[in-house]
Amino acid sequence: MHRLDNGRPIREAMKRAGLNIQRLADKTREADPAGYGIKPATIGHMVATGPSGRDRFEARSCDLVARALEEPVEKFFGHTPT
């Protein structure tokens, strides 16, 4: 899946929730039935606007971020065109 608008919706949701990257990573671990969550570095790539930003992510990672932010995944990510 690809992030929407260079990760802006994720950054805005994090700000509204009062979360930084580490705390969002912790919340993904809480939201993950397996208890693993997402590494802070991956979340950093999701929200970065510069050269460290990436556009494509695994569906599992996208789902966990959306669950942790208590929003639908479609608010943050779209399907990667093939």
N, C-alpha and C. Protein backbone atom coordinates (compact mmCIF):
# COMPACT_ATOMS: atom_id res chain seq x y z
N MET A 1 0.85 -1.17 0.00
CA MET A 1 0.00 0.00 0.00
C MET A 1 0.90 1.24 0.00
N HIS A 2 0.36 2.34 -0.47
CA HIS A 2 1.17 3.57 -0.47
C HIS A 2 0.54 4.61 0.46
N ARG A 3 1.39 5.41 1.04
CA ARG A 3 0.90 6.45 1.96
C ARG A 3 0.30 7.59 1.15
N LEU A 4 -0.70 8.19 1.71
CA LEU A 4 -1.37 9.31 1.05
C LEU A 4 -0.71 10.63 1.44
N ASP A 5 -0.66 11.54 0.50
CA ASP A 5 -0.22 12.92 0.72
C ASP A 5 1.08 13.01 1.52
N ASN A 6 2.08 12.21 1.13
CA ASN A 6 3.39 12.23 1.78
C ASN A 6 3.33 12.00 3.29
N GLY A 7 2.35 11.24 3.75
CA GLY A 7 2.23 10.92 5.17
C GLY A 7 1.54 11.99 6.01
N ARG A 8 1.07 13.03 5.38
CA ARG A 8 0.43 14.13 6.12
C ARG A 8 -0.75 13.68 6.98
N PRO A 9 -1.65 12.83 6.46
CA PRO A 9 -2.76 12.39 7.32
C PRO A 9 -2.29 11.66 8.58
N ILE A 10 -1.21 10.91 8.49
CA ILE A 10 -0.69 10.21 9.67
C ILE A 10 -0.13 11.23 10.65
N ARG A 11 0.66 12.18 10.16
CA ARG A 11 1.22 13.21 11.03
C ARG A 11 0.12 13.98 11.76
N GLU A 12 -0.93 14.32 11.02
CA GLU A 12 -2.03 15.08 11.62
C GLU A 12 -2.75 14.26 12.68
N ALA A 13 -2.98 12.98 12.41
CA ALA A 13 -3.65 12.11 13.38
C ALA A 13 -2.77 11.92 14.62
N MET A 14 -1.48 11.80 14.42
CA MET A 14 -0.56 11.68 15.56
C MET A 14 -0.62 12.94 16.41
N LYS A 15 -0.63 14.09 15.76
CA LYS A 15 -0.69 15.35 16.50
C LYS A 15 -1.98 15.45 17.31
N ARG A 16 -3.11 15.12 16.68
CA ARG A 16 -4.40 15.16 17.38
C ARG A 16 -4.40 14.25 18.60
N ALA A 17 -3.76 13.09 18.45
CA ALA A 17 -3.73 12.10 19.54
C ALA A 17 -2.61 12.36 20.54
N GLY A 18 -1.76 13.35 20.26
CA GLY A 18 -0.65 13.65 21.17
C GLY A 18 0.42 12.58 21.19
N LEU A 19 0.64 11.95 20.02
CA LEU A 19 1.60 10.85 19.93
C LEU A 19 2.86 11.28 19.19
N ASN A 20 3.99 10.79 19.65
CA ASN A 20 5.22 10.91 18.88
C ASN A 20 5.48 9.55 18.22
N ILE A 21 6.56 9.43 17.49
CA ILE A 21 6.84 8.19 16.76
C ILE A 21 6.96 7.00 17.70
N GLN A 22 7.69 7.15 18.79
CA GLN A 22 7.87 6.03 19.73
C GLN A 22 6.54 5.60 20.34
N ARG A 23 5.73 6.55 20.73
CA ARG A 23 4.45 6.19 21.36
C ARG A 23 3.50 5.53 20.35
N LEU A 24 3.53 5.98 19.09
CA LEU A 24 2.73 5.32 18.07
C LEU A 24 3.23 3.89 17.86
N ALA A 25 4.53 3.70 17.86
CA ALA A 25 5.09 2.35 17.73
C ALA A 25 4.60 1.47 18.89
N ASP A 26 4.58 2.02 20.10
CA ASP A 26 4.08 1.28 21.26
C ASP A 26 2.61 0.91 21.06
N LYS A 27 1.83 1.84 20.56
CA LYS A 27 0.41 1.58 20.34
C LYS A 27 0.18 0.52 19.24
N THR A 28 1.06 0.47 18.24
CA THR A 28 0.92 -0.58 17.22
C THR A 28 1.17 -1.96 17.84
N ARG A 29 2.08 -2.01 18.79
CA ARG A 29 2.34 -3.28 19.48
C ARG A 29 1.10 -3.70 20.28
N GLU A 30 0.43 -2.73 20.92
CA GLU A 30 -0.79 -3.02 21.66
C GLU A 30 -1.91 -3.47 20.72
N ALA A 31 -1.94 -2.92 19.50
CA ALA A 31 -2.99 -3.24 18.53
C ALA A 31 -2.73 -4.54 17.79
N ASP A 32 -1.50 -5.03 17.85
CA ASP A 32 -1.11 -6.23 17.10
C ASP A 32 -1.46 -7.48 17.89
N PRO A 33 -2.35 -8.35 17.35
CA PRO A 33 -2.69 -9.59 18.06
C PRO A 33 -1.46 -10.44 18.37
N ALA A 34 -0.43 -10.36 17.52
CA ALA A 34 0.80 -11.12 17.76
C ALA A 34 1.72 -10.40 18.74
N GLY A 35 1.44 -9.12 19.02
CA GLY A 35 2.23 -8.37 19.99
C GLY A 35 3.54 -7.80 19.49
N TYR A 36 3.77 -7.81 18.17
CA TYR A 36 5.03 -7.32 17.63
C TYR A 36 5.00 -5.83 17.30
N GLY A 37 3.94 -5.39 16.68
CA GLY A 37 3.84 -3.99 16.30
C GLY A 37 4.80 -3.61 15.18
N ILE A 38 5.06 -2.32 15.08
CA ILE A 38 5.92 -1.77 14.03
C ILE A 38 7.09 -1.04 14.69
N LYS A 39 8.25 -1.16 14.10
CA LYS A 39 9.43 -0.47 14.63
C LYS A 39 9.27 1.04 14.44
N PRO A 40 9.82 1.82 15.39
CA PRO A 40 9.77 3.27 15.24
C PRO A 40 10.39 3.75 13.93
N ALA A 41 11.42 3.08 13.44
CA ALA A 41 12.06 3.49 12.18
C ALA A 41 11.07 3.41 11.01
N THR A 42 10.25 2.38 11.00
CA THR A 42 9.26 2.23 9.92
C THR A 42 8.24 3.36 9.99
N ILE A 43 7.79 3.67 11.19
CA ILE A 43 6.84 4.78 11.34
C ILE A 43 7.51 6.09 10.92
N GLY A 44 8.78 6.23 11.24
CA GLY A 44 9.53 7.41 10.79
C GLY A 44 9.52 7.54 9.29
N HIS A 45 9.66 6.44 8.58
CA HIS A 45 9.60 6.46 7.11
C HIS A 45 8.20 6.83 6.62
N MET A 46 7.18 6.43 7.38
CA MET A 46 5.81 6.73 6.98
C MET A 46 5.49 8.22 7.09
N VAL A 47 6.09 8.88 8.06
CA VAL A 47 5.75 10.29 8.32
C VAL A 47 6.77 11.28 7.80
N ALA A 48 7.93 10.79 7.36
CA ALA A 48 8.99 11.69 6.90
C ALA A 48 8.62 12.39 5.60
N THR A 49 9.02 13.65 5.50
CA THR A 49 8.75 14.41 4.29
C THR A 49 9.98 14.53 3.40
N GLY A 50 11.14 14.28 3.93
CA GLY A 50 12.38 14.41 3.18
C GLY A 50 12.81 13.11 2.54
N PRO A 51 14.11 12.97 2.32
CA PRO A 51 14.64 11.79 1.63
C PRO A 51 14.45 10.48 2.38
N SER A 52 14.22 10.53 3.68
CA SER A 52 14.02 9.27 4.42
C SER A 52 12.58 8.78 4.33
N GLY A 53 11.69 9.58 3.75
CA GLY A 53 10.31 9.15 3.58
C GLY A 53 10.19 8.09 2.49
N ARG A 54 9.33 7.14 2.72
CA ARG A 54 9.05 6.10 1.73
C ARG A 54 7.57 6.14 1.40
N ASP A 55 7.21 5.65 0.24
CA ASP A 55 5.81 5.69 -0.17
C ASP A 55 5.07 4.38 -0.02
N ARG A 56 5.76 3.25 -0.09
CA ARG A 56 5.09 1.95 -0.08
C ARG A 56 5.42 1.18 1.19
N PHE A 57 4.36 0.53 1.72
CA PHE A 57 4.49 -0.23 2.96
C PHE A 57 3.65 -1.48 2.88
N GLU A 58 4.00 -2.47 3.69
CA GLU A 58 3.24 -3.70 3.75
C GLU A 58 1.85 -3.41 4.31
N ALA A 59 0.86 -4.13 3.83
CA ALA A 59 -0.52 -3.94 4.27
C ALA A 59 -0.65 -4.13 5.78
N ARG A 60 0.08 -5.07 6.34
CA ARG A 60 0.04 -5.33 7.78
C ARG A 60 0.47 -4.09 8.55
N SER A 61 1.54 -3.45 8.13
CA SER A 61 2.02 -2.24 8.80
C SER A 61 0.99 -1.12 8.71
N CYS A 62 0.40 -0.97 7.55
CA CYS A 62 -0.61 0.06 7.35
C CYS A 62 -1.81 -0.18 8.26
N ASP A 63 -2.24 -1.42 8.34
CA ASP A 63 -3.38 -1.77 9.17
C ASP A 63 -3.10 -1.49 10.64
N LEU A 64 -1.91 -1.83 11.10
CA LEU A 64 -1.58 -1.61 12.51
C LEU A 64 -1.52 -0.13 12.86
N VAL A 65 -0.98 0.69 11.96
CA VAL A 65 -0.95 2.13 12.21
C VAL A 65 -2.37 2.67 12.30
N ALA A 66 -3.21 2.26 11.38
CA ALA A 66 -4.60 2.73 11.39
C ALA A 66 -5.32 2.27 12.67
N ARG A 67 -5.11 1.04 13.07
CA ARG A 67 -5.72 0.54 14.31
C ARG A 67 -5.24 1.35 15.51
N ALA A 68 -3.94 1.59 15.57
CA ALA A 68 -3.36 2.33 16.69
C ALA A 68 -3.90 3.76 16.74
N LEU A 69 -4.16 4.34 15.58
CA LEU A 69 -4.70 5.70 15.52
C LEU A 69 -6.23 5.73 15.56
N GLU A 70 -6.82 4.53 15.59
CA GLU A 70 -8.28 4.37 15.66
C GLU A 70 -8.99 5.09 14.52
N GLU A 71 -8.46 4.86 13.32
CA GLU A 71 -9.02 5.44 12.09
C GLU A 71 -9.04 4.36 11.02
N PRO A 72 -9.86 4.52 9.98
CA PRO A 72 -9.84 3.55 8.87
C PRO A 72 -8.53 3.65 8.09
N VAL A 73 -8.02 2.53 7.67
CA VAL A 73 -6.75 2.49 6.95
C VAL A 73 -6.78 3.36 5.69
N GLU A 74 -7.95 3.46 5.07
CA GLU A 74 -8.09 4.25 3.83
C GLU A 74 -7.84 5.73 4.05
N LYS A 75 -7.87 6.18 5.28
CA LYS A 75 -7.60 7.58 5.59
C LYS A 75 -6.11 7.90 5.42
N PHE A 76 -5.26 6.88 5.56
CA PHE A 76 -3.81 7.07 5.54
C PHE A 76 -3.11 6.44 4.34
N PHE A 77 -3.69 5.37 3.80
CA PHE A 77 -3.02 4.59 2.77
C PHE A 77 -3.99 4.21 1.64
N GLY A 78 -3.44 4.09 0.45
CA GLY A 78 -4.20 3.62 -0.70
C GLY A 78 -3.51 2.40 -1.28
N HIS A 79 -4.19 1.73 -2.15
CA HIS A 79 -3.59 0.55 -2.79
C HIS A 79 -2.57 1.02 -3.82
N THR A 80 -1.47 0.33 -3.85
CA THR A 80 -0.40 0.64 -4.79
C THR A 80 -0.82 0.21 -6.18
N PRO A 81 -0.80 1.12 -7.15
CA PRO A 81 -1.16 0.74 -8.51
C PRO A 81 -0.17 -0.30 -9.05
N THR A 82 -0.69 -1.24 -9.84
CA THR A 82 0.19 -2.27 -10.40
C THR A 82 0.51 -1.97 -11.85
